[in-house]
Amino acid sequence: MTVRELAERLGAEVLVEGDLSREVQTGYAGDLLSWVMARLPEGAVWMTVMGNLNAIAVCSLKDGACILLTEDAPLDENAKQRAGMEEIPVLRVADGSYRTSLRVADLLGETP
């Protein structure tokens, strides 16, 4: 599934388009940047409330497919500009990370 398809199926707001054709391989949820930096799988949709420049850097470093902000978390202007430069899609939903993770897992066929 592409980032674009994921956004459509979740009804997510697209804050930064980036590369919406990127394939999403799996999902990852977490808000502690150092923890995520050590564990974010390549090609993952990263569900977080961290809408800052450091989150963009971590996603870029780990080659994540996109950032999915949960709980209507804000994306600061510096992060938005950097995500555009790095072509990292940033999406946003109102639900929390738990419910969003369940939906993403279902859409990716990763539920037991």
C-alpha atoms as a PDB file:
ATOM      1  CA  MET A   1       0.000   0.000   0.000  1.00  0.00           C
ATOM      2  CA  THR A   2       1.294   3.466  -0.830  1.00  0.00           C
ATOM      3  CA  VAL A   3       1.339   6.428   1.531  1.00  0.00           C
ATOM      4  CA  ARG A   4      -1.390   8.014  -0.623  1.00  0.00           C
ATOM      5  CA  GLU A   5      -3.623   4.935  -0.289  1.00  0.00           C
ATOM      6  CA  LEU A   6      -3.007   4.792   3.449  1.00  0.00           C
ATOM      7  CA  ALA A   7      -3.911   8.469   3.837  1.00  0.00           C
ATOM      8  CA  GLU A   8      -7.121   7.987   1.862  1.00  0.00           C
ATOM      9  CA  ARG A   9      -8.205   4.907   3.792  1.00  0.00           C
ATOM     10  CA  LEU A  10      -7.497   6.546   7.145  1.00  0.00           C
ATOM     11  CA  GLY A  11      -9.117   9.819   6.095  1.00  0.00           C
ATOM     12  CA  ALA A  12      -5.865  11.492   7.117  1.00  0.00           C
ATOM     13  CA  GLU A  13      -5.085  15.125   6.446  1.00  0.00           C
ATOM     14  CA  VAL A  14      -1.982  15.508   4.273  1.00  0.00           C
ATOM     15  CA  LEU A  15       0.172  18.242   5.802  1.00  0.00           C
ATOM     16  CA  VAL A  16       3.224  17.637   3.587  1.00  0.00           C
ATOM     17  CA  GLU A  17       2.899  15.678   0.366  1.00  0.00           C
ATOM     18  CA  GLY A  18       6.453  14.465  -0.058  1.00  0.00           C
ATOM     19  CA  ASP A  19       6.596  11.134  -1.892  1.00  0.00           C
ATOM     20  CA  LEU A  20       3.040   9.835  -1.591  1.00  0.00           C
ATOM     21  CA  SER A  21       3.859   6.949  -3.941  1.00  0.00           C
ATOM     22  CA  ARG A  22       6.232   5.421  -1.366  1.00  0.00           C
ATOM     23  CA  GLU A  23       5.280   1.893  -0.300  1.00  0.00           C
ATOM     24  CA  VAL A  24       4.427   1.422   3.368  1.00  0.00           C
ATOM     25  CA  GLN A  25       5.973  -1.807   4.646  1.00  0.00           C
ATOM     26  CA  THR A  26       4.881  -1.752   8.287  1.00  0.00           C
ATOM     27  CA  GLY A  27       3.988   0.596  11.113  1.00  0.00           C
ATOM     28  CA  TYR A  28       5.711   1.867  14.232  1.00  0.00           C
ATOM     29  CA  ALA A  29       4.353   3.918  17.144  1.00  0.00           C
ATOM     30  CA  GLY A  30       6.488   5.878  19.566  1.00  0.00           C
ATOM     31  CA  ASP A  31       7.261   9.352  20.855  1.00  0.00           C
ATOM     32  CA  LEU A  32      10.690   9.078  22.448  1.00  0.00           C
ATOM     33  CA  LEU A  33      12.993  10.159  19.623  1.00  0.00           C
ATOM     34  CA  SER A  34      16.106   8.287  20.760  1.00  0.00           C
ATOM     35  CA  TRP A  35      14.044   5.101  21.135  1.00  0.00           C
ATOM     36  CA  VAL A  36      12.461   5.519  17.707  1.00  0.00           C
ATOM     37  CA  MET A  37      15.829   6.311  16.137  1.00  0.00           C
ATOM     38  CA  ALA A  38      17.111   2.921  17.296  1.00  0.00           C
ATOM     39  CA  ARG A  39      14.021   0.966  16.198  1.00  0.00           C
ATOM     40  CA  LEU A  40      12.048   2.564  13.352  1.00  0.00           C
ATOM     41  CA  PRO A  41      11.937   0.019  10.501  1.00  0.00           C
ATOM     42  CA  GLU A  42      12.733   1.173   6.978  1.00  0.00           C
ATOM     43  CA  GLY A  43       9.555   1.889   5.023  1.00  0.00           C
ATOM     44  CA  ALA A  44       7.398   2.245   8.147  1.00  0.00           C
ATOM     45  CA  VAL A  45       4.583   4.667   8.779  1.00  0.00           C
ATOM     46  CA  TRP A  46       5.631   6.272  12.072  1.00  0.00           C
ATOM     47  CA  MET A  47       2.736   7.178  14.362  1.00  0.00           C
ATOM     48  CA  THR A  48       3.660   9.903  16.838  1.00  0.00           C
ATOM     49  CA  VAL A  49       2.666  13.221  18.368  1.00  0.00           C
ATOM     50  CA  MET A  50       6.122  14.663  17.643  1.00  0.00           C
ATOM     51  CA  GLY A  51       5.678  17.258  14.903  1.00  0.00           C
ATOM     52  CA  ASN A  52       9.061  18.925  15.192  1.00  0.00           C
ATOM     53  CA  LEU A  53      12.282  19.194  13.215  1.00  0.00           C
ATOM     54  CA  ASN A  54      13.926  16.349  15.147  1.00  0.00           C
ATOM     55  CA  ALA A  55      11.129  13.965  14.137  1.00  0.00           C
ATOM     56  CA  ILE A  56      11.759  14.792  10.478  1.00  0.00           C
ATOM     57  CA  ALA A  57      15.471  14.092  10.993  1.00  0.00           C
ATOM     58  CA  VAL A  58      14.780  10.700  12.591  1.00  0.00           C
ATOM     59  CA  CYS A  59      12.370   9.685   9.824  1.00  0.00           C
ATOM     60  CA  SER A  60      14.901  10.708   7.192  1.00  0.00           C
ATOM     61  CA  LEU A  61      17.790   8.934   8.943  1.00  0.00           C
ATOM     62  CA  LYS A  62      15.817   5.691   9.293  1.00  0.00           C
ATOM     63  CA  ASP A  63      14.220   5.938   5.819  1.00  0.00           C
ATOM     64  CA  GLY A  64      10.664   5.854   7.137  1.00  0.00           C
ATOM     65  CA  ALA A  65       7.847   5.962   4.582  1.00  0.00           C
ATOM     66  CA  CYS A  66       6.008   8.800   6.331  1.00  0.00           C
ATOM     67  CA  ILE A  67       5.083  10.390   9.630  1.00  0.00           C
ATOM     68  CA  LEU A  68       1.497  10.063  10.809  1.00  0.00           C
ATOM     69  CA  LEU A  69       0.737  12.606  13.513  1.00  0.00           C
ATOM     70  CA  THR A  70      -1.936  11.360  15.904  1.00  0.00           C
ATOM     71  CA  GLU A  71      -4.277  13.229  18.270  1.00  0.00           C
ATOM     72  CA  ASP A  72      -4.344  16.186  15.843  1.00  0.00           C
ATOM     73  CA  ALA A  73      -0.781  16.995  16.928  1.00  0.00           C
ATOM     74  CA  PRO A  74       0.637  20.150  15.357  1.00  0.00           C
ATOM     75  CA  LEU A  75       3.458  20.247  12.823  1.00  0.00           C
ATOM     76  CA  ASP A  76       5.724  23.207  13.406  1.00  0.00           C
ATOM     77  CA  GLU A  77       6.701  25.399  10.452  1.00  0.00           C
ATOM     78  CA  ASN A  78      10.402  24.463  10.463  1.00  0.00           C
ATOM     79  CA  ALA A  79       9.484  20.778  10.437  1.00  0.00           C
ATOM     80  CA  LYS A  80       7.005  21.335   7.614  1.00  0.00           C
ATOM     81  CA  GLN A  81       9.624  23.054   5.476  1.00  0.00           C
ATOM     82  CA  ARG A  82      12.246  20.369   6.167  1.00  0.00           C
ATOM     83  CA  ALA A  83       9.804  17.536   5.446  1.00  0.00           C
ATOM     84  CA  GLY A  84       9.072  19.168   2.090  1.00  0.00           C
ATOM     85  CA  MET A  85      12.786  19.419   1.303  1.00  0.00           C
ATOM     86  CA  GLU A  86      13.344  15.773   2.315  1.00  0.00           C
ATOM     87  CA  GLU A  87      10.136  14.668   0.501  1.00  0.00           C
ATOM     88  CA  ILE A  88       8.833  13.028   3.672  1.00  0.00           C
ATOM     89  CA  PRO A  89       5.040  12.839   3.704  1.00  0.00           C
ATOM     90  CA  VAL A  90       3.432  14.041   6.926  1.00  0.00           C
ATOM     91  CA  LEU A  91      -0.156  13.046   7.620  1.00  0.00           C
ATOM     92  CA  ARG A  92      -2.460  13.795  10.550  1.00  0.00           C
ATOM     93  CA  VAL A  93      -5.445  12.093  12.177  1.00  0.00           C
ATOM     94  CA  ALA A  94      -7.576  12.916  15.223  1.00  0.00           C
ATOM     95  CA  ASP A  95      -7.415   9.464  16.836  1.00  0.00           C
ATOM     96  CA  GLY A  96      -4.680   8.538  19.293  1.00  0.00           C
ATOM     97  CA  SER A  97      -1.710   6.332  18.486  1.00  0.00           C
ATOM     98  CA  TYR A  98      -3.315   3.174  19.904  1.00  0.00           C
ATOM     99  CA  ARG A  99      -6.457   3.286  17.766  1.00  0.00           C
ATOM    100  CA  THR A 100      -4.513   4.503  14.755  1.00  0.00           C
ATOM    101  CA  SER A 101      -2.007   1.670  15.118  1.00  0.00           C
ATOM    102  CA  LEU A 102      -4.825  -0.858  15.149  1.00  0.00           C
ATOM    103  CA  ARG A 103      -6.299   0.625  11.973  1.00  0.00           C
ATOM    104  CA  VAL A 104      -2.915   0.736  10.232  1.00  0.00           C
ATOM    105  CA  ALA A 105      -2.146  -2.868  11.208  1.00  0.00           C
ATOM    106  CA  ASP A 106      -5.509  -3.946   9.812  1.00  0.00           C
ATOM    107  CA  LEU A 107      -4.972  -2.051   6.549  1.00  0.00           C
ATOM    108  CA  LEU A 108      -1.496  -3.551   6.151  1.00  0.00           C
ATOM    109  CA  GLY A 109      -2.764  -7.061   6.919  1.00  0.00           C
ATOM    110  CA  GLU A 110      -0.644  -7.295  10.064  1.00  0.00           C
ATOM    111  CA  THR A 111      -3.373  -8.191  12.546  1.00  0.00           C
ATOM    112  CA  PRO A 112      -3.484 -11.780  13.839  1.00  0.00           C
END
